[in-house]
Amino acid sequence: MWWNFAARTNDEIARAREEWTAGSRFGDVHGYDGDRPGAPALPPVPLKPRGRVR
């Protein structure tokens, strides 16, 4: 999970951010009267998955 995106890899997060910025994948929120908020820049290091213990 990073910002509003959930994914399995750093590449998937980066792709989701690009698609959000381009407006190509995620739909519009009907009734919202403003511009799409911009996703913040990714950190300069790869995101690491959290360890998960079951």
Protein backbone atom coordinates (compact mmCIF):
# COMPACT_ATOMS: atom_id res chain seq x y z
CA MET A 1 0.00 0.00 0.00
CA TRP A 2 1.34 3.37 -1.00
CA TRP A 3 -0.75 6.52 -1.04
CA ASN A 4 -4.10 5.21 -2.38
CA PHE A 5 -2.71 2.26 -4.29
CA ALA A 6 -2.42 -1.37 -3.23
CA ALA A 7 -0.21 -3.74 -5.23
CA ARG A 8 2.19 -6.65 -4.95
CA THR A 9 5.33 -5.02 -6.37
CA ASN A 10 7.04 -1.66 -6.71
CA ASP A 11 6.49 -1.83 -10.49
CA GLU A 12 2.73 -2.29 -10.03
CA ILE A 13 2.63 0.76 -7.73
CA ALA A 14 4.59 2.84 -10.26
CA ARG A 15 2.24 1.71 -13.07
CA ALA A 16 -0.84 2.55 -10.98
CA ARG A 17 0.56 6.01 -10.26
CA GLU A 18 1.20 6.61 -13.97
CA GLU A 19 -2.31 5.44 -14.87
CA TRP A 20 -3.83 7.62 -12.16
CA THR A 21 -1.92 10.66 -13.39
CA ALA A 22 -2.90 9.98 -17.02
CA GLY A 23 -6.53 9.38 -16.06
CA SER A 24 -6.52 6.18 -18.10
CA ARG A 25 -7.45 3.48 -15.61
CA PHE A 26 -9.37 4.85 -12.69
CA GLY A 27 -12.85 6.25 -13.12
CA ASP A 28 -14.19 9.63 -12.16
CA VAL A 29 -16.01 10.32 -8.93
CA HIS A 30 -19.43 11.58 -9.97
CA GLY A 31 -20.58 14.54 -7.93
CA TYR A 32 -17.01 15.67 -7.10
CA ASP A 33 -16.57 19.18 -8.46
CA GLY A 34 -12.81 19.45 -8.50
CA ASP A 35 -9.70 18.36 -10.30
CA ARG A 36 -8.28 14.89 -9.75
CA PRO A 37 -5.77 15.15 -6.90
CA GLY A 38 -2.22 14.44 -7.97
CA ALA A 39 -0.40 11.43 -6.59
CA PRO A 40 2.79 12.38 -4.77
CA ALA A 41 6.13 11.42 -6.28
CA LEU A 42 7.38 7.95 -5.48
CA PRO A 43 10.24 7.77 -2.98
CA PRO A 44 13.74 7.56 -4.54
CA VAL A 45 14.15 3.97 -3.33
CA PRO A 46 12.17 0.84 -4.26
CA LEU A 47 9.18 0.16 -2.05
CA LYS A 48 9.53 -3.00 -0.01
CA PRO A 49 6.65 -5.29 0.87
CA ARG A 50 5.83 -5.63 4.52
CA GLY A 51 6.47 -8.99 6.06
CA ARG A 52 3.29 -10.91 6.63
CA VAL A 53 3.00 -13.53 9.33
CA ARG A 54 0.06 -15.92 9.36
